[in-house]
C-alpha atoms as a PDB file:
ATOM      1  CA  PRO A   1       5.474 -11.674  -5.063  1.00  0.00           C
ATOM      2  CA  MET A   2       5.164  -9.238  -8.020  1.00  0.00           C
ATOM      3  CA  ASP A   3       3.589 -11.977 -10.140  1.00  0.00           C
ATOM      4  CA  GLN A   4       0.942 -12.435  -7.455  1.00  0.00           C
ATOM      5  CA  ILE A   5       0.292  -8.701  -7.289  1.00  0.00           C
ATOM      6  CA  LEU A   6      -0.091  -8.436 -11.058  1.00  0.00           C
ATOM      7  CA  GLU A   7      -2.347 -11.484 -11.123  1.00  0.00           C
ATOM      8  CA  PHE A   8      -4.501  -9.943  -8.387  1.00  0.00           C
ATOM      9  CA  SER A   9      -4.726  -6.544 -10.081  1.00  0.00           C
ATOM     10  CA  ASP A  10      -5.706  -8.163 -13.388  1.00  0.00           C
ATOM     11  CA  GLN A  11      -8.991  -9.186 -11.745  1.00  0.00           C
ATOM     12  CA  PHE A  12     -10.150  -5.571 -11.937  1.00  0.00           C
ATOM     13  CA  ASP A  13     -11.217  -3.871 -15.121  1.00  0.00           C
ATOM     14  CA  TYR A  14      -9.610  -0.497 -14.389  1.00  0.00           C
ATOM     15  CA  ASP A  15      -8.362   1.547 -17.303  1.00  0.00           C
ATOM     16  CA  PHE A  16      -6.210   3.907 -15.268  1.00  0.00           C
ATOM     17  CA  PRO A  17      -2.600   3.140 -14.359  1.00  0.00           C
ATOM     18  CA  PHE A  18      -1.414   1.376 -11.225  1.00  0.00           C
ATOM     19  CA  LEU A  19       1.748   2.301  -9.383  1.00  0.00           C
ATOM     20  CA  PHE A  20       3.746  -0.528  -7.852  1.00  0.00           C
ATOM     21  CA  THR A  21       6.775   0.160  -5.698  1.00  0.00           C
ATOM     22  CA  ASP A  22       9.276  -1.570  -3.517  1.00  0.00           C
ATOM     23  CA  ASP A  23      10.165  -0.999   0.112  1.00  0.00           C
ATOM     24  CA  SER A  24      13.017   1.372  -0.677  1.00  0.00           C
ATOM     25  CA  THR A  25      10.750   3.999  -2.253  1.00  0.00           C
ATOM     26  CA  SER A  26       7.393   3.312  -0.604  1.00  0.00           C
ATOM     27  CA  MET A  27       7.913   5.505   2.469  1.00  0.00           C
ATOM     28  CA  LYS A  28       8.813   8.544   0.355  1.00  0.00           C
ATOM     29  CA  LEU A  29       5.850   7.978  -1.963  1.00  0.00           C
ATOM     30  CA  LYS A  30       3.473   7.511   0.963  1.00  0.00           C
ATOM     31  CA  GLU A  31       4.586  10.846   2.359  1.00  0.00           C
ATOM     32  CA  ASP A  32       4.617  12.745  -0.947  1.00  0.00           C
ATOM     33  CA  LEU A  33       1.290  11.357  -2.189  1.00  0.00           C
ATOM     34  CA  HIS A  34      -0.480  11.397   1.202  1.00  0.00           C
ATOM     35  CA  ILE A  35      -1.142   7.655   1.085  1.00  0.00           C
ATOM     36  CA  ILE A  36      -2.807   6.382   4.237  1.00  0.00           C
ATOM     37  CA  GLY A  37      -3.794   2.864   3.237  1.00  0.00           C
ATOM     38  CA  VAL A  38      -3.816   0.276   0.511  1.00  0.00           C
ATOM     39  CA  PRO A  39      -5.366   0.258  -1.988  1.00  0.00           C
ATOM     40  CA  ASN A  40      -5.169   4.017  -2.360  1.00  0.00           C
ATOM     41  CA  LEU A  41      -6.373   6.241  -5.170  1.00  0.00           C
ATOM     42  CA  VAL A  42      -4.141   9.211  -5.976  1.00  0.00           C
ATOM     43  CA  VAL A  43      -5.318  11.751  -8.535  1.00  0.00           C
ATOM     44  CA  ILE A  44      -2.690  14.168  -9.812  1.00  0.00           C
ATOM     45  CA  ASP A  45      -3.903  17.307 -11.585  1.00  0.00           C
ATOM     46  CA  LYS A  46      -2.465  18.986 -14.674  1.00  0.00           C
ATOM     47  CA  GLU A  47       0.027  20.948 -12.565  1.00  0.00           C
ATOM     48  CA  PHE A  48       1.238  17.688 -10.948  1.00  0.00           C
ATOM     49  CA  ASN A  49      -0.344  18.493  -7.598  1.00  0.00           C
ATOM     50  CA  VAL A  50      -2.089  15.800  -5.581  1.00  0.00           C
ATOM     51  CA  SER A  51      -5.736  16.634  -6.207  1.00  0.00           C
ATOM     52  CA  TYR A  52      -7.067  13.677  -4.234  1.00  0.00           C
ATOM     53  CA  SER A  53      -5.577  10.916  -2.149  1.00  0.00           C
ATOM     54  CA  GLY A  54      -7.708   8.445  -0.304  1.00  0.00           C
ATOM     55  CA  VAL A  55      -8.912   4.937   0.177  1.00  0.00           C
ATOM     56  CA  PHE A  56     -12.162   3.842  -1.449  1.00  0.00           C
ATOM     57  CA  ILE A  57     -13.114   0.727   0.469  1.00  0.00           C
ATOM     58  CA  THR A  58     -16.358  -0.107  -1.221  1.00  0.00           C
ATOM     59  CA  ASP A  59     -18.000  -2.072  -4.005  1.00  0.00           C
ATOM     60  CA  LYS A  60     -15.929  -2.215  -7.208  1.00  0.00           C
ATOM     61  CA  ASN A  61     -18.435  -0.196  -9.261  1.00  0.00           C
ATOM     62  CA  VAL A  62     -18.746   2.490  -6.594  1.00  0.00           C
ATOM     63  CA  PHE A  63     -14.953   2.663  -6.406  1.00  0.00           C
ATOM     64  CA  ILE A  64     -14.716   3.190 -10.164  1.00  0.00           C
ATOM     65  CA  ASP A  65     -17.431   5.865 -10.146  1.00  0.00           C
ATOM     66  CA  ASN A  66     -15.719   7.676  -7.261  1.00  0.00           C
ATOM     67  CA  ALA A  67     -12.344   7.429  -8.990  1.00  0.00           C
ATOM     68  CA  TYR A  68     -13.653   8.881 -12.232  1.00  0.00           C
ATOM     69  CA  ARG A  69     -15.425  11.686 -10.358  1.00  0.00           C
ATOM     70  CA  GLU A  70     -12.153  12.685  -8.676  1.00  0.00           C
ATOM     71  CA  ILE A  71     -10.274  12.466 -11.978  1.00  0.00           C
ATOM     72  CA  GLU A  72     -12.859  14.681 -13.693  1.00  0.00           C
ATOM     73  CA  LYS A  73     -12.558  17.265 -10.890  1.00  0.00           C
ATOM     74  CA  ALA A  74      -8.769  17.292 -11.307  1.00  0.00           C
ATOM     75  CA  LEU A  75      -9.082  17.760 -15.076  1.00  0.00           C
ATOM     76  CA  GLU A  76     -11.370  20.772 -14.565  1.00  0.00           C
ATOM     77  CA  LYS A  77      -8.688  22.671 -12.639  1.00  0.00           C
END
């Protein structure tokens, strides 16, 4: 299963990190990071607060633009 996930994620040219988890920690992470769906973008600001958490179900390029916009907003804080 993890090999398939890594193979799938390699299709995308993202240069920000992915977080993979197992069932034993996923519920806690979903709660702490306000994850409501998969895939989910979580942006954590300099103070380690969740600045943004949401699902960008859209074209790959729009997703990347939206992700970078949220990251830039978090860096400005």
